Amino acid sequence: MTTAVPTRFTADQMQTLDRLVAEGVGGNRSEVIRKALECFADSVERERVGRMIADSYRRQPQSATDDAMALANGIAMVEAEPW
């Protein structure tokens, strides 16, 4: 089920929308707009997660012990490869 959402666009935005349809980004204007919304929502979510990660490191910064452990684990994983 879908719901119509009346929206106004400028002439430039309509040209962009029509160009994207012509380029095959979507089969019609509505599909391009839906894809754009999905991309925007994904971008907003990634930004939210990034802020959470950065805030976490601000609250509890990585220590020298953490760095040494990460390096040791990286070396162990490379050495385990059957090159």
Protein backbone atom coordinates (compact mmCIF):
# COMPACT_ATOMS: atom_id res chain seq x y z
CA MET A 1 0.00 0.00 0.00
CA THR A 2 1.25 3.48 -0.79
CA THR A 3 0.14 6.93 0.26
CA ALA A 4 0.22 9.97 -2.00
CA VAL A 5 2.18 12.89 -0.55
CA PRO A 6 1.62 16.15 -2.42
CA THR A 7 4.96 17.91 -2.79
CA ARG A 8 6.10 21.00 -4.65
CA PHE A 9 9.37 21.13 -6.57
CA THR A 10 11.17 23.96 -8.31
CA ALA A 11 11.72 23.86 -12.06
CA ASP A 12 15.38 22.95 -11.48
CA GLN A 13 14.41 20.12 -9.16
CA MET A 14 11.96 18.81 -11.75
CA GLN A 15 14.67 18.88 -14.41
CA THR A 16 16.94 16.92 -12.10
CA LEU A 17 14.18 14.46 -11.34
CA ASP A 18 13.37 13.96 -15.01
CA ARG A 19 17.06 13.58 -15.85
CA LEU A 20 17.41 10.86 -13.21
CA VAL A 21 14.40 9.04 -14.66
CA ALA A 22 15.89 9.36 -18.17
CA GLU A 23 19.19 7.95 -16.88
CA GLY A 24 17.37 4.95 -15.47
CA VAL A 25 17.84 5.70 -11.79
CA GLY A 26 14.16 4.89 -11.43
CA GLY A 27 11.33 3.96 -13.74
CA ASN A 28 9.41 7.12 -12.91
CA ARG A 29 9.55 10.21 -10.73
CA SER A 30 7.97 8.50 -7.74
CA GLU A 31 10.50 5.69 -7.80
CA VAL A 32 13.40 8.14 -7.96
CA ILE A 33 11.96 10.06 -5.00
CA ARG A 34 11.47 6.85 -3.00
CA LYS A 35 15.07 5.81 -3.71
CA ALA A 36 16.28 9.28 -2.70
CA LEU A 37 14.38 8.99 0.58
CA GLU A 38 15.93 5.59 1.28
CA CYS A 39 19.42 6.98 0.59
CA PHE A 40 18.79 10.00 2.79
CA ALA A 41 17.41 7.87 5.64
CA ASP A 42 20.47 5.60 5.40
CA SER A 43 22.77 8.64 5.50
CA VAL A 44 21.01 10.01 8.58
CA GLU A 45 21.26 6.62 10.32
CA ARG A 46 24.97 6.29 9.50
CA GLU A 47 25.58 9.78 10.87
CA ARG A 48 23.68 8.88 14.07
CA VAL A 49 25.74 5.72 14.55
CA GLY A 50 28.95 7.65 13.87
CA ARG A 51 28.06 10.21 16.54
CA MET A 52 27.34 7.40 19.00
CA ILE A 53 30.73 5.81 18.30
CA ALA A 54 32.54 9.15 18.62
CA ASP A 55 30.70 9.94 21.86
CA SER A 56 31.66 6.54 23.22
CA TYR A 57 35.34 7.19 22.52
CA ARG A 58 35.06 10.62 24.15
CA ARG A 59 33.58 9.04 27.29
CA GLN A 60 36.10 6.20 27.35
CA PRO A 61 39.16 6.97 25.20
CA GLN A 62 41.19 4.14 23.76
CA SER A 63 44.19 3.31 25.95
CA ALA A 64 47.73 2.29 25.07
CA THR A 65 46.79 -1.24 26.18
CA ASP A 66 43.87 -1.22 23.72
CA ASP A 67 46.23 -0.10 20.95
CA ALA A 68 48.75 -2.81 21.75
CA MET A 69 46.05 -5.48 21.85
CA ALA A 70 44.63 -4.34 18.49
CA LEU A 71 48.09 -4.44 16.93
CA ALA A 72 48.80 -7.91 18.35
CA ASN A 73 45.46 -9.19 17.06
CA GLY A 74 46.12 -7.70 13.62
CA ILE A 75 49.53 -9.33 13.45
CA ALA A 76 48.10 -12.68 14.58
CA MET A 77 45.38 -12.56 11.90
CA VAL A 78 47.91 -11.78 9.16
CA GLU A 79 50.24 -14.53 10.34
CA ALA A 80 47.33 -16.99 10.33
CA GLU A 81 46.73 -16.40 6.61
CA PRO A 82 48.02 -19.20 4.36
CA TRP A 83 49.96 -16.92 2.03
